[in-house]
């Protein structure tokens, strides 16, 4: 009876620790949070969202380039609470060896937590913690807003100067007219 009990315990422990499927061969990376397996199955990284290349969002190309490192590699997949998204892509946590790539993308600032699906994301709290640290450290896409704000200030400054010159000219004209009328 005792050997069966130990085998049962080992079976339970290994089943609880490792819920991964695979390995699967990554045929290509579509964007920063989607890849295609050799079988043709499209995998959407669960719980995260990267900037969109088609919308030319800040850090979209960098996210895809970073993820492209796994093209031609073997990965393991872990199901989330939802199996598929509205486009039919499988929602998964993707592992390269022991590394959870969903977490890594957020940590490096290539992705952020997908708040819209927080209630159906198994590791949402963990992803949010990682995101908070990346925000504080202004990593990746979290530096984009700062860079865009600075660029916007630079771009609006010449217009502001133009209006300031016109306003000063107008006030100077009123001053001249005032002096002419009252002298």
N, C-alpha and C. Protein backbone atom coordinates (compact mmCIF):
# COMPACT_ATOMS: atom_id res chain seq x y z
N UNK A 1 0.83 -1.19 0.00
CA UNK A 1 0.00 0.00 0.00
C UNK A 1 0.87 1.25 0.00
N UNK A 2 1.95 1.25 0.73
CA UNK A 2 2.81 2.42 0.88
C UNK A 2 3.45 2.85 -0.45
N UNK A 3 3.97 1.95 -1.30
CA UNK A 3 4.55 2.39 -2.57
C UNK A 3 3.52 3.05 -3.48
N UNK A 4 2.29 2.55 -3.47
CA UNK A 4 1.24 3.16 -4.28
C UNK A 4 0.92 4.58 -3.81
N UNK A 5 0.96 4.76 -2.50
CA UNK A 5 0.70 6.09 -1.94
C UNK A 5 1.77 7.07 -2.40
N UNK A 6 3.04 6.67 -2.37
CA UNK A 6 4.14 7.54 -2.81
C UNK A 6 4.03 7.85 -4.30
N UNK A 7 3.69 6.85 -5.09
CA UNK A 7 3.51 7.07 -6.53
C UNK A 7 2.35 8.03 -6.77
N UNK A 8 1.28 7.86 -6.03
CA UNK A 8 0.13 8.76 -6.16
C UNK A 8 0.53 10.20 -5.81
N UNK A 9 1.26 10.38 -4.73
CA UNK A 9 1.71 11.72 -4.31
C UNK A 9 2.60 12.33 -5.38
N UNK A 10 3.55 11.57 -5.91
CA UNK A 10 4.42 12.07 -6.96
C UNK A 10 3.62 12.45 -8.21
N UNK A 11 2.65 11.64 -8.55
CA UNK A 11 1.79 11.93 -9.71
C UNK A 11 1.04 13.24 -9.51
N UNK A 12 0.48 13.42 -8.33
CA UNK A 12 -0.28 14.64 -8.02
C UNK A 12 0.65 15.85 -8.07
N UNK A 13 1.82 15.75 -7.45
CA UNK A 13 2.75 16.88 -7.41
C UNK A 13 3.24 17.27 -8.80
N UNK A 14 3.61 16.30 -9.61
CA UNK A 14 4.09 16.64 -10.95
C UNK A 14 2.97 17.18 -11.81
N UNK A 15 1.76 16.69 -11.62
CA UNK A 15 0.62 17.21 -12.36
C UNK A 15 0.27 18.62 -11.97
N UNK A 16 0.45 18.97 -10.71
CA UNK A 16 0.11 20.31 -10.23
C UNK A 16 1.18 21.32 -10.63
N UNK A 17 2.40 20.91 -10.67
CA UNK A 17 3.49 21.82 -10.95
C UNK A 17 3.59 22.11 -12.44
N UNK A 18 3.37 21.12 -13.27
CA UNK A 18 3.62 21.27 -14.69
C UNK A 18 2.34 21.07 -15.49
N UNK A 19 1.67 22.19 -15.82
CA UNK A 19 0.47 22.13 -16.65
C UNK A 19 0.79 22.57 -18.07
N UNK A 20 1.98 22.30 -18.50
CA UNK A 20 2.43 22.79 -19.80
C UNK A 20 2.17 21.78 -20.91
N UNK A 21 1.86 22.31 -22.08
CA UNK A 21 1.70 21.50 -23.29
C UNK A 21 2.93 21.72 -24.15
N UNK A 22 3.32 20.72 -24.89
CA UNK A 22 4.42 20.94 -25.83
C UNK A 22 5.54 19.97 -25.61
N UNK A 23 6.62 20.19 -26.30
CA UNK A 23 7.04 21.43 -26.96
C UNK A 23 6.40 21.60 -28.35
N UNK A 24 6.33 22.90 -28.77
CA UNK A 24 5.82 23.26 -30.08
C UNK A 24 6.85 24.12 -30.80
N UNK A 25 6.93 23.95 -32.11
CA UNK A 25 7.88 24.69 -32.93
C UNK A 25 7.23 26.01 -33.37
N UNK A 26 7.91 27.14 -33.11
CA UNK A 26 7.41 28.46 -33.51
C UNK A 26 7.82 28.72 -34.95
N UNK A 27 6.82 28.76 -35.83
CA UNK A 27 7.08 28.99 -37.24
C UNK A 27 7.38 30.47 -37.52
N UNK A 28 6.53 31.35 -36.94
CA UNK A 28 6.78 32.78 -37.14
C UNK A 28 6.12 33.61 -36.06
N UNK A 29 6.66 34.81 -35.88
CA UNK A 29 6.10 35.78 -34.94
C UNK A 29 5.29 36.77 -35.78
N UNK A 30 4.04 36.95 -35.43
CA UNK A 30 3.15 37.83 -36.19
C UNK A 30 3.26 39.26 -35.70
N UNK A 31 3.24 39.44 -34.39
CA UNK A 31 3.46 40.76 -33.79
C UNK A 31 3.97 40.53 -32.37
N UNK A 32 3.93 41.55 -31.55
CA UNK A 32 4.52 41.45 -30.22
C UNK A 32 3.82 40.51 -29.26
N UNK A 33 2.58 40.12 -29.55
CA UNK A 33 1.87 39.22 -28.64
C UNK A 33 1.16 38.07 -29.35
N UNK A 34 1.55 37.80 -30.58
CA UNK A 34 0.94 36.70 -31.34
C UNK A 34 2.01 35.95 -32.13
N UNK A 35 1.94 34.63 -32.10
CA UNK A 35 2.85 33.83 -32.90
C UNK A 35 2.09 32.70 -33.56
N UNK A 36 2.74 32.08 -34.53
CA UNK A 36 2.13 30.96 -35.23
C UNK A 36 3.02 29.74 -35.07
N UNK A 37 2.39 28.63 -34.71
CA UNK A 37 3.11 27.38 -34.56
C UNK A 37 3.24 26.69 -35.92
N UNK A 38 4.11 25.71 -35.98
CA UNK A 38 4.32 24.95 -37.21
C UNK A 38 3.01 24.30 -37.69
N UNK A 39 2.15 23.95 -36.76
CA UNK A 39 0.86 23.32 -37.10
C UNK A 39 -0.12 24.32 -37.73
N UNK A 40 0.22 25.61 -37.69
CA UNK A 40 -0.67 26.65 -38.20
C UNK A 40 -1.50 27.32 -37.12
N UNK A 41 -1.49 26.77 -35.93
CA UNK A 41 -2.23 27.34 -34.80
C UNK A 41 -1.64 28.68 -34.42
N UNK A 42 -2.52 29.65 -34.26
CA UNK A 42 -2.07 30.98 -33.81
C UNK A 42 -2.26 31.07 -32.30
N UNK A 43 -1.20 31.55 -31.66
CA UNK A 43 -1.19 31.69 -30.21
C UNK A 43 -1.17 33.17 -29.86
N UNK A 44 -2.14 33.58 -29.05
CA UNK A 44 -2.19 34.95 -28.53
C UNK A 44 -1.72 34.88 -27.09
N UNK A 45 -0.69 35.67 -26.76
CA UNK A 45 -0.17 35.68 -25.39
C UNK A 45 -1.27 36.17 -24.46
N UNK A 46 -1.61 35.37 -23.49
CA UNK A 46 -2.72 35.68 -22.59
C UNK A 46 -2.32 36.70 -21.53
N UNK A 47 -3.26 37.58 -21.21
CA UNK A 47 -3.08 38.52 -20.11
C UNK A 47 -2.28 39.76 -20.42
N UNK A 48 -1.73 39.86 -21.63
CA UNK A 48 -0.91 41.01 -21.98
C UNK A 48 -1.35 41.60 -23.32
N UNK A 49 -0.92 42.81 -23.56
CA UNK A 49 -1.20 43.47 -24.83
C UNK A 49 0.01 44.31 -25.22
N UNK A 50 0.44 44.17 -26.46
CA UNK A 50 1.57 44.97 -26.94
C UNK A 50 1.04 46.03 -27.90
N UNK A 51 1.81 47.08 -28.13
CA UNK A 51 1.40 48.11 -29.09
C UNK A 51 1.19 47.50 -30.48
N UNK A 52 0.29 48.10 -31.24
CA UNK A 52 -0.09 47.58 -32.56
C UNK A 52 0.81 48.15 -33.66
N UNK A 53 1.40 47.26 -34.44
CA UNK A 53 2.25 47.67 -35.57
C UNK A 53 1.41 48.39 -36.62
N UNK A 54 0.21 47.86 -36.90
CA UNK A 54 -0.64 48.44 -37.96
C UNK A 54 -1.04 49.88 -37.64
N UNK A 55 -1.05 50.23 -36.37
CA UNK A 55 -1.42 51.59 -35.97
C UNK A 55 -0.18 52.44 -35.68
N UNK A 56 1.00 51.87 -35.96
CA UNK A 56 2.28 52.55 -35.76
C UNK A 56 2.41 53.09 -34.33
N UNK A 57 1.97 52.30 -33.36
CA UNK A 57 2.06 52.71 -31.97
C UNK A 57 3.50 52.59 -31.47
N UNK A 58 3.82 53.44 -30.54
CA UNK A 58 5.16 53.48 -29.97
C UNK A 58 5.54 52.13 -29.36
N UNK A 59 6.67 51.63 -29.72
CA UNK A 59 7.29 50.40 -29.22
C UNK A 59 6.71 49.12 -29.81
N UNK A 60 5.87 49.22 -30.84
CA UNK A 60 5.29 48.03 -31.47
C UNK A 60 6.36 47.23 -32.20
N UNK A 61 7.18 47.90 -32.98
CA UNK A 61 8.23 47.22 -33.74
C UNK A 61 9.24 46.56 -32.81
N UNK A 62 9.60 47.27 -31.75
CA UNK A 62 10.56 46.72 -30.79
C UNK A 62 10.01 45.47 -30.11
N UNK A 63 8.71 45.46 -29.81
CA UNK A 63 8.09 44.28 -29.18
C UNK A 63 8.14 43.09 -30.12
N UNK A 64 7.82 43.31 -31.39
CA UNK A 64 7.86 42.21 -32.36
C UNK A 64 9.30 41.73 -32.55
N UNK A 65 10.24 42.66 -32.66
CA UNK A 65 11.65 42.29 -32.85
C UNK A 65 12.15 41.45 -31.68
N UNK A 66 11.78 41.85 -30.47
CA UNK A 66 12.21 41.10 -29.28
C UNK A 66 11.65 39.69 -29.31
N UNK A 67 10.36 39.58 -29.61
CA UNK A 67 9.72 38.26 -29.62
C UNK A 67 10.22 37.40 -30.77
N UNK A 68 10.68 38.02 -31.84
CA UNK A 68 11.17 37.28 -33.01
C UNK A 68 12.36 36.38 -32.69
N UNK A 69 12.96 36.58 -31.54
CA UNK A 69 14.08 35.73 -31.11
C UNK A 69 13.64 34.28 -30.95
N UNK A 70 12.34 34.04 -30.76
CA UNK A 70 11.89 32.65 -30.56
C UNK A 70 11.44 31.99 -31.86
N UNK A 71 11.51 32.70 -32.98
CA UNK A 71 11.18 32.06 -34.26
C UNK A 71 12.15 30.91 -34.48
N UNK A 72 11.61 29.77 -34.86
CA UNK A 72 12.44 28.60 -35.09
C UNK A 72 12.82 27.86 -33.82
N UNK A 73 12.28 28.28 -32.71
CA UNK A 73 12.57 27.65 -31.41
C UNK A 73 11.37 26.81 -30.95
N UNK A 74 11.61 26.00 -29.93
CA UNK A 74 10.56 25.20 -29.32
C UNK A 74 10.05 25.94 -28.08
N UNK A 75 8.74 25.97 -27.90
CA UNK A 75 8.14 26.60 -26.73
C UNK A 75 7.13 25.65 -26.09
N UNK A 76 6.80 25.96 -24.86
CA UNK A 76 5.76 25.24 -24.12
C UNK A 76 4.63 26.20 -23.87
N UNK A 77 3.42 25.69 -23.78
CA UNK A 77 2.23 26.52 -23.63
C UNK A 77 1.44 26.11 -22.40
N UNK A 78 0.83 27.11 -21.76
CA UNK A 78 -0.05 26.87 -20.62
C UNK A 78 -1.38 27.55 -20.90
N UNK A 79 -2.46 26.81 -20.76
CA UNK A 79 -3.80 27.36 -20.99
C UNK A 79 -4.14 28.37 -19.92
N UNK A 80 -4.94 29.36 -20.33
CA UNK A 80 -5.49 30.31 -19.38
C UNK A 80 -6.95 29.92 -19.12
N UNK A 81 -7.67 30.75 -18.37
CA UNK A 81 -9.06 30.43 -18.06
C UNK A 81 -9.94 30.43 -19.30
N UNK A 82 -9.67 31.34 -20.24
CA UNK A 82 -10.35 31.32 -21.54
C UNK A 82 -9.46 30.59 -22.52
N UNK A 83 -10.04 29.76 -23.37
CA UNK A 83 -9.24 28.98 -24.31
C UNK A 83 -8.90 29.76 -25.57
N UNK A 84 -9.86 30.55 -26.09
CA UNK A 84 -9.65 31.25 -27.36
C UNK A 84 -10.16 32.69 -27.25
N UNK A 85 -9.59 33.56 -28.10
CA UNK A 85 -10.08 34.93 -28.17
C UNK A 85 -11.13 35.04 -29.27
N UNK A 86 -11.66 36.24 -29.50
CA UNK A 86 -12.74 36.39 -30.48
C UNK A 86 -12.29 36.15 -31.92
N UNK A 87 -10.97 36.11 -32.16
CA UNK A 87 -10.44 35.83 -33.49
C UNK A 87 -10.07 34.36 -33.68
N UNK A 88 -10.34 33.53 -32.66
CA UNK A 88 -10.06 32.10 -32.76
C UNK A 88 -8.63 31.72 -32.40
N UNK A 89 -7.85 32.68 -31.93
CA UNK A 89 -6.48 32.37 -31.52
C UNK A 89 -6.49 31.73 -30.13
N UNK A 90 -5.60 30.79 -29.91
CA UNK A 90 -5.50 30.14 -28.60
C UNK A 90 -4.82 31.08 -27.62
N UNK A 91 -5.45 31.29 -26.47
CA UNK A 91 -4.89 32.14 -25.43
C UNK A 91 -4.00 31.30 -24.53
N UNK A 92 -2.71 31.65 -24.50
CA UNK A 92 -1.76 30.83 -23.75
C UNK A 92 -0.68 31.69 -23.09
N UNK A 93 -0.11 31.11 -22.03
CA UNK A 93 1.14 31.62 -21.48
C UNK A 93 2.22 30.82 -22.20
N UNK A 94 3.22 31.53 -22.70
CA UNK A 94 4.24 30.90 -23.54
C UNK A 94 5.54 30.84 -22.75
N UNK A 95 6.16 29.66 -22.77
CA UNK A 95 7.41 29.45 -22.04
C UNK A 95 8.52 29.06 -22.99
N UNK A 96 9.65 29.69 -22.79
CA UNK A 96 10.89 29.28 -23.46
C UNK A 96 11.76 28.71 -22.36
N UNK A 97 11.86 27.40 -22.31
CA UNK A 97 12.53 26.77 -21.18
C UNK A 97 11.70 27.02 -19.93
N UNK A 98 12.31 27.60 -18.92
CA UNK A 98 11.62 27.91 -17.66
C UNK A 98 11.05 29.32 -17.64
N UNK A 99 11.30 30.10 -18.68
CA UNK A 99 10.95 31.52 -18.68
C UNK A 99 9.54 31.74 -19.24
N UNK A 100 8.71 32.39 -18.45
CA UNK A 100 7.37 32.77 -18.89
C UNK A 100 7.54 34.04 -19.73
N UNK A 101 7.35 33.92 -21.04
CA UNK A 101 7.57 35.05 -21.95
C UNK A 101 6.52 36.15 -21.77
N UNK A 102 5.32 35.80 -21.34
CA UNK A 102 4.29 36.82 -21.08
C UNK A 102 4.82 37.78 -20.01
N UNK A 103 5.35 37.21 -18.92
CA UNK A 103 5.90 38.03 -17.84
C UNK A 103 7.10 38.83 -18.32
N UNK A 104 7.97 38.19 -19.10
CA UNK A 104 9.19 38.84 -19.57
C UNK A 104 8.87 40.03 -20.46
N UNK A 105 7.89 39.89 -21.35
CA UNK A 105 7.51 41.01 -22.22
C UNK A 105 7.04 42.22 -21.42
N UNK A 106 6.29 41.97 -20.35
CA UNK A 106 5.82 43.06 -19.49
C UNK A 106 6.99 43.65 -18.71
N UNK A 107 7.84 42.79 -18.18
CA UNK A 107 8.99 43.24 -17.39
C UNK A 107 9.92 44.15 -18.18
N UNK A 108 10.14 43.82 -19.46
CA UNK A 108 11.05 44.60 -20.30
C UNK A 108 10.37 45.84 -20.89
N UNK A 109 9.06 45.97 -20.70
CA UNK A 109 8.35 47.13 -21.22
C UNK A 109 7.87 46.99 -22.64
N UNK A 110 7.82 45.76 -23.16
CA UNK A 110 7.30 45.53 -24.50
C UNK A 110 5.78 45.36 -24.50
N UNK A 111 5.20 45.06 -23.33
CA UNK A 111 3.77 44.80 -23.22
C UNK A 111 3.26 45.35 -21.90
N UNK A 112 1.93 45.45 -21.82
CA UNK A 112 1.30 45.83 -20.57
C UNK A 112 0.19 44.84 -20.24
N UNK A 113 -0.28 44.90 -19.02
CA UNK A 113 -1.37 44.02 -18.61
C UNK A 113 -2.61 44.35 -19.43
N UNK A 114 -3.34 43.33 -19.83
CA UNK A 114 -4.57 43.52 -20.60
C UNK A 114 -5.72 43.62 -19.61
N UNK A 115 -5.96 44.83 -19.12
CA UNK A 115 -6.94 45.08 -18.05
C UNK A 115 -8.35 44.63 -18.42
N UNK A 116 -8.69 44.70 -19.68
CA UNK A 116 -10.04 44.37 -20.14
C UNK A 116 -10.43 42.94 -19.75
N UNK A 117 -9.44 42.05 -19.67
CA UNK A 117 -9.73 40.65 -19.37
C UNK A 117 -9.17 40.22 -18.01
N UNK A 118 -9.11 41.15 -17.08
CA UNK A 118 -8.52 40.86 -15.77
C UNK A 118 -9.22 39.72 -15.04
N UNK A 119 -10.54 39.64 -15.16
CA UNK A 119 -11.28 38.62 -14.41
C UNK A 119 -11.10 37.21 -14.98
N UNK A 120 -10.65 37.11 -16.24
CA UNK A 120 -10.47 35.78 -16.84
C UNK A 120 -9.00 35.48 -17.13
N UNK A 121 -8.11 36.19 -16.46
CA UNK A 121 -6.68 35.98 -16.63
C UNK A 121 -6.10 35.38 -15.35
N UNK A 122 -5.61 34.17 -15.46
CA UNK A 122 -5.11 33.41 -14.31
C UNK A 122 -4.03 34.17 -13.52
N UNK A 123 -3.10 34.80 -14.23
CA UNK A 123 -1.96 35.46 -13.58
C UNK A 123 -2.06 36.99 -13.63
N UNK A 124 -3.28 37.52 -13.66
CA UNK A 124 -3.44 38.97 -13.82
C UNK A 124 -2.71 39.76 -12.72
N UNK A 125 -2.87 39.34 -11.47
CA UNK A 125 -2.24 40.09 -10.37
C UNK A 125 -0.72 40.10 -10.51
N UNK A 126 -0.14 38.98 -10.89
CA UNK A 126 1.31 38.89 -11.09
C UNK A 126 1.75 39.80 -12.24
N UNK A 127 1.00 39.76 -13.34
CA UNK A 127 1.33 40.61 -14.49
C UNK A 127 1.24 42.07 -14.10
N UNK A 128 0.23 42.43 -13.32
CA UNK A 128 0.04 43.82 -12.89
C UNK A 128 1.21 44.28 -12.01
N UNK A 129 1.69 43.41 -11.13
CA UNK A 129 2.85 43.74 -10.28
C UNK A 129 4.08 44.00 -11.14
N UNK A 130 4.29 43.16 -12.12
CA UNK A 130 5.44 43.32 -13.02
C UNK A 130 5.29 44.63 -13.81
N UNK A 131 4.08 44.91 -14.27
CA UNK A 131 3.82 46.13 -15.02
C UNK A 131 4.11 47.37 -14.16
N UNK A 132 3.68 47.35 -12.91
CA UNK A 132 3.91 48.50 -12.03
C UNK A 132 5.39 48.82 -11.89
N UNK A 133 6.20 47.78 -11.78
CA UNK A 133 7.65 47.99 -11.68
C UNK A 133 8.22 48.56 -12.98
N UNK A 134 7.75 48.04 -14.12
CA UNK A 134 8.22 48.54 -15.42
C UNK A 134 7.82 50.00 -15.61
N UNK A 135 6.63 50.36 -15.15
CA UNK A 135 6.16 51.76 -15.25
C UNK A 135 7.07 52.68 -14.43
N UNK A 136 7.32 52.28 -13.20
CA UNK A 136 8.16 53.10 -12.31
C UNK A 136 9.54 53.30 -12.92
N UNK A 137 10.08 52.26 -13.50
CA UNK A 137 11.42 52.32 -14.10
C UNK A 137 11.41 52.85 -15.52
N UNK A 138 10.22 53.24 -16.03
CA UNK A 138 10.08 53.82 -17.38
C UNK A 138 10.71 52.94 -18.46
N UNK A 139 10.42 51.65 -18.38
CA UNK A 139 10.97 50.71 -19.37
C UNK A 139 10.11 50.66 -20.62
N UNK A 140 10.75 50.58 -21.76
CA UNK A 140 10.08 50.34 -23.03
C UNK A 140 8.95 51.30 -23.32
N UNK A 141 7.74 50.75 -23.51
CA UNK A 141 6.60 51.56 -23.89
C UNK A 141 6.22 52.58 -22.83
N UNK A 142 6.65 52.36 -21.60
CA UNK A 142 6.33 53.31 -20.53
C UNK A 142 7.15 54.59 -20.65
N UNK A 143 8.20 54.57 -21.44
CA UNK A 143 8.98 55.78 -21.71
C UNK A 143 8.39 56.53 -22.90
N UNK A 144 7.54 55.86 -23.69
CA UNK A 144 6.97 56.49 -24.88
C UNK A 144 6.18 57.74 -24.55
N UNK A 145 5.35 57.68 -23.54
CA UNK A 145 4.53 58.85 -23.21
C UNK A 145 5.41 60.04 -22.86
N UNK A 146 6.47 59.79 -22.11
CA UNK A 146 7.39 60.86 -21.75
C UNK A 146 8.04 61.42 -23.01
N UNK A 147 8.53 60.55 -23.89
CA UNK A 147 9.17 60.99 -25.12
C UNK A 147 8.17 61.75 -26.00
N UNK A 148 6.93 61.24 -26.12
CA UNK A 148 5.93 61.90 -26.95
C UNK A 148 5.56 63.26 -26.35
N UNK A 149 5.44 63.32 -25.01
CA UNK A 149 5.11 64.60 -24.38
C UNK A 149 6.20 65.63 -24.63
N UNK A 150 7.45 65.19 -24.50
CA UNK A 150 8.57 66.11 -24.76
C UNK A 150 8.56 66.55 -26.22
N UNK A 151 8.30 65.62 -27.14
CA UNK A 151 8.25 65.95 -28.56
C UNK A 151 7.10 66.91 -28.84
N UNK A 152 5.96 66.68 -28.18
CA UNK A 152 4.81 67.56 -28.38
C UNK A 152 5.13 68.97 -27.90
N UNK A 153 5.85 69.10 -26.79
CA UNK A 153 6.23 70.42 -26.31
C UNK A 153 7.13 71.13 -27.31
N UNK A 154 8.06 70.38 -27.88
CA UNK A 154 8.98 70.95 -28.87
C UNK A 154 8.21 71.38 -30.11
N UNK A 155 7.28 70.53 -30.55
CA UNK A 155 6.52 70.83 -31.76
C UNK A 155 5.57 71.99 -31.57
N UNK A 156 4.99 72.14 -30.38
CA UNK A 156 4.05 73.24 -30.17
C UNK A 156 4.76 74.54 -29.85
N UNK A 157 5.98 74.50 -29.45
CA UNK A 157 6.68 75.73 -29.07
C UNK A 157 6.78 76.74 -30.21
N UNK A 158 7.14 76.34 -31.46
CA UNK A 158 7.18 77.34 -32.53
C UNK A 158 5.82 78.00 -32.76
N UNK A 159 4.73 77.21 -32.67
CA UNK A 159 3.41 77.80 -32.84
C UNK A 159 3.11 78.77 -31.72
N UNK A 160 3.48 78.38 -30.52
CA UNK A 160 3.26 79.27 -29.39
C UNK A 160 4.03 80.56 -29.59
N UNK A 161 5.27 80.49 -30.04
CA UNK A 161 6.07 81.69 -30.29
C UNK A 161 5.43 82.54 -31.38
N UNK A 162 4.89 81.92 -32.42
CA UNK A 162 4.24 82.64 -33.51
C UNK A 162 3.07 83.46 -32.96
N UNK A 163 2.22 82.82 -32.14
CA UNK A 163 1.08 83.53 -31.58
C UNK A 163 1.52 84.60 -30.60
N UNK A 164 2.58 84.35 -29.89
CA UNK A 164 3.09 85.34 -28.95
C UNK A 164 3.56 86.59 -29.71
N UNK A 165 4.22 86.40 -30.84
CA UNK A 165 4.69 87.53 -31.66
C UNK A 165 3.51 88.31 -32.19
N UNK A 166 2.48 87.60 -32.68
CA UNK A 166 1.29 88.29 -33.19
C UNK A 166 0.61 89.07 -32.07
N UNK A 167 0.48 88.46 -30.89
CA UNK A 167 -0.14 89.13 -29.75
C UNK A 167 0.66 90.36 -29.35
N UNK A 168 1.97 90.25 -29.29
CA UNK A 168 2.81 91.39 -28.94
C UNK A 168 2.69 92.49 -30.00
N UNK A 169 2.63 92.10 -31.27
CA UNK A 169 2.45 93.08 -32.34
C UNK A 169 1.13 93.79 -32.22
N UNK A 170 0.08 93.05 -31.91
CA UNK A 170 -1.24 93.63 -31.74
C UNK A 170 -1.24 94.62 -30.58
N UNK A 171 -0.67 94.22 -29.44
CA UNK A 171 -0.61 95.11 -28.27
C UNK A 171 0.24 96.35 -28.57
N UNK A 172 1.32 96.18 -29.31
CA UNK A 172 2.16 97.32 -29.67
C UNK A 172 1.39 98.28 -30.57
N UNK A 173 0.60 97.72 -31.50
CA UNK A 173 -0.23 98.55 -32.38
C UNK A 173 -1.25 99.34 -31.58
N UNK A 174 -1.88 98.72 -30.60
CA UNK A 174 -2.84 99.42 -29.74
C UNK A 174 -2.13 100.52 -28.97
N UNK A 175 -0.94 100.24 -28.46
CA UNK A 175 -0.16 101.23 -27.72
C UNK A 175 0.13 102.45 -28.61
N UNK A 176 0.56 102.21 -29.86
CA UNK A 176 0.85 103.30 -30.81
C UNK A 176 -0.41 104.11 -31.07
N UNK A 177 -1.52 103.44 -31.37
CA UNK A 177 -2.78 104.14 -31.62
C UNK A 177 -3.22 104.96 -30.41
N UNK A 178 -3.05 104.38 -29.23
CA UNK A 178 -3.40 105.07 -27.98
C UNK A 178 -2.60 106.36 -27.86
N UNK A 179 -1.31 106.26 -28.10
CA UNK A 179 -0.45 107.46 -28.01
C UNK A 179 -0.80 108.50 -29.06
N UNK A 180 -1.16 108.06 -30.27
CA UNK A 180 -1.50 109.00 -31.35
C UNK A 180 -2.82 109.71 -31.00
N UNK A 181 -3.78 108.97 -30.52
CA UNK A 181 -5.09 109.54 -30.22
C UNK A 181 -5.05 110.50 -29.03
N UNK A 182 -4.22 110.25 -28.04
CA UNK A 182 -4.21 111.04 -26.84
C UNK A 182 -3.05 112.03 -26.79
N UNK A 183 -2.33 112.19 -27.90
CA UNK A 183 -1.27 113.20 -27.87
C UNK A 183 -1.67 114.44 -28.59
